[in-house]
């Protein structure tokens, strides 16, 4: 199993009100220059929130939610310091309750 750390907030806050896109683009550029594999993902309506052990976390976050999920806990700590109104935590996956750590419940629009 892998430990995934996350920053969680409402989609509106995380994806519209914060200048997150530029932060992530800069991070991706830095990774490419260092030939480092991307270790973070943006997940709208993350399915991991449906796991029974995540019920209290889900209750704290306005819906629909969005998360930045990473295998790099230092990156998530850095984001938490940069963003004020977010919830952070971690989980292990794959597991019985979280088979896919990056799965989204958002329906794609055709």
Protein backbone atom coordinates (compact mmCIF):
# COMPACT_ATOMS: atom_id res chain seq x y z
CA UNK A 1 0.00 0.00 0.00
CA UNK A 2 0.99 3.59 -0.59
CA UNK A 3 0.37 6.51 1.74
CA UNK A 4 -1.35 9.44 0.04
CA UNK A 5 -1.54 12.90 1.59
CA UNK A 6 -4.16 15.41 0.56
CA UNK A 7 -5.38 18.99 0.75
CA UNK A 8 -9.17 19.13 0.60
CA UNK A 9 -11.53 22.07 0.10
CA UNK A 10 -14.63 23.03 -1.80
CA UNK A 11 -14.15 23.00 -5.57
CA UNK A 12 -15.10 26.66 -5.73
CA UNK A 13 -12.43 27.66 -3.23
CA UNK A 14 -9.65 25.37 -4.41
CA UNK A 15 -10.14 25.65 -8.16
CA UNK A 16 -11.64 29.12 -8.62
CA UNK A 17 -10.79 31.40 -5.70
CA UNK A 18 -7.17 30.35 -5.22
CA UNK A 19 -4.44 30.89 -7.85
CA UNK A 20 -3.73 27.17 -7.69
CA UNK A 21 -3.30 26.62 -11.43
CA UNK A 22 -0.15 28.75 -11.56
CA UNK A 23 1.29 27.01 -8.49
CA UNK A 24 0.75 23.57 -10.04
CA UNK A 25 2.11 24.65 -13.43
CA UNK A 26 5.27 25.95 -11.76
CA UNK A 27 5.60 22.72 -9.79
CA UNK A 28 5.22 20.65 -12.98
CA UNK A 29 7.83 22.78 -14.77
CA UNK A 30 10.23 22.27 -11.87
CA UNK A 31 9.63 18.50 -11.95
CA UNK A 32 10.28 18.35 -15.71
CA UNK A 33 13.55 20.27 -15.32
CA UNK A 34 14.65 17.85 -12.61
CA UNK A 35 13.32 14.87 -14.58
CA UNK A 36 11.21 13.97 -11.56
CA UNK A 37 7.99 11.99 -11.92
CA UNK A 38 4.77 13.87 -11.12
CA UNK A 39 3.59 12.82 -7.65
CA UNK A 40 0.46 14.97 -7.26
CA UNK A 41 -2.99 15.01 -8.83
CA UNK A 42 -6.09 17.22 -8.71
CA UNK A 43 -9.21 15.15 -8.04
CA UNK A 44 -12.69 16.67 -8.27
CA UNK A 45 -15.25 15.01 -5.99
CA UNK A 46 -12.70 12.49 -4.68
CA UNK A 47 -14.12 9.01 -4.18
CA UNK A 48 -11.86 8.41 -1.16
CA UNK A 49 -14.24 10.63 0.83
CA UNK A 50 -16.88 7.88 0.53
CA UNK A 51 -14.80 5.50 2.65
CA UNK A 52 -16.37 5.00 6.11
CA UNK A 53 -13.19 6.18 7.84
CA UNK A 54 -13.40 9.48 5.95
CA UNK A 55 -16.96 10.39 7.05
CA UNK A 56 -15.84 13.03 9.58
CA UNK A 57 -13.49 14.64 7.06
CA UNK A 58 -16.20 14.73 4.38
CA UNK A 59 -18.60 16.35 6.86
CA UNK A 60 -16.09 19.19 7.45
CA UNK A 61 -15.76 20.10 3.78
CA UNK A 62 -18.31 21.98 1.67
CA UNK A 63 -19.47 19.95 -1.31
CA UNK A 64 -18.70 19.48 -4.10
CA UNK A 65 -15.14 19.00 -2.89
CA UNK A 66 -11.81 18.88 -4.66
CA UNK A 67 -8.50 17.52 -3.45
CA UNK A 68 -4.87 17.67 -4.34
CA UNK A 69 -3.56 14.19 -3.62
CA UNK A 70 0.15 13.44 -3.45
CA UNK A 71 2.60 10.79 -2.40
CA UNK A 72 4.84 13.65 -1.22
CA UNK A 73 3.68 14.77 2.26
CA UNK A 74 6.06 17.76 2.23
CA UNK A 75 4.28 19.17 -0.83
CA UNK A 76 0.91 18.87 0.94
CA UNK A 77 2.34 20.58 4.04
CA UNK A 78 3.65 23.39 1.82
CA UNK A 79 0.21 23.76 0.20
CA UNK A 80 -1.49 23.82 3.61
CA UNK A 81 0.75 26.71 4.65
CA UNK A 82 -0.08 28.55 1.43
CA UNK A 83 -3.85 27.92 1.48
CA UNK A 84 -5.84 28.88 4.56
CA UNK A 85 -9.23 27.21 4.39
CA UNK A 86 -8.32 23.60 3.66
CA UNK A 87 -8.37 20.27 5.43
CA UNK A 88 -5.32 18.03 5.23
CA UNK A 89 -4.83 14.38 6.00
CA UNK A 90 -3.62 11.09 4.67
CA UNK A 91 -4.85 7.62 3.82
CA UNK A 92 -3.43 4.36 2.55
CA UNK A 93 -4.51 2.82 -0.72
CA UNK A 94 -5.35 0.62 -2.38
CA UNK A 95 -7.49 -0.84 0.39
CA UNK A 96 -10.93 -2.43 0.72
CA UNK A 97 -12.55 0.95 1.39
CA UNK A 98 -10.34 2.99 -0.99
CA UNK A 99 -9.49 0.79 -3.99
CA UNK A 100 -8.47 3.72 -6.23
CA UNK A 101 -6.88 6.75 -4.49
CA UNK A 102 -7.38 9.05 -7.50
CA UNK A 103 -10.92 8.09 -8.49
CA UNK A 104 -13.39 10.94 -9.01
CA UNK A 105 -17.15 10.76 -8.52
CA UNK A 106 -17.66 13.63 -10.92
CA UNK A 107 -19.63 12.62 -13.97
CA UNK A 108 -17.96 13.58 -17.21
CA UNK A 109 -20.11 15.68 -19.48
CA UNK A 110 -20.50 14.52 -23.07
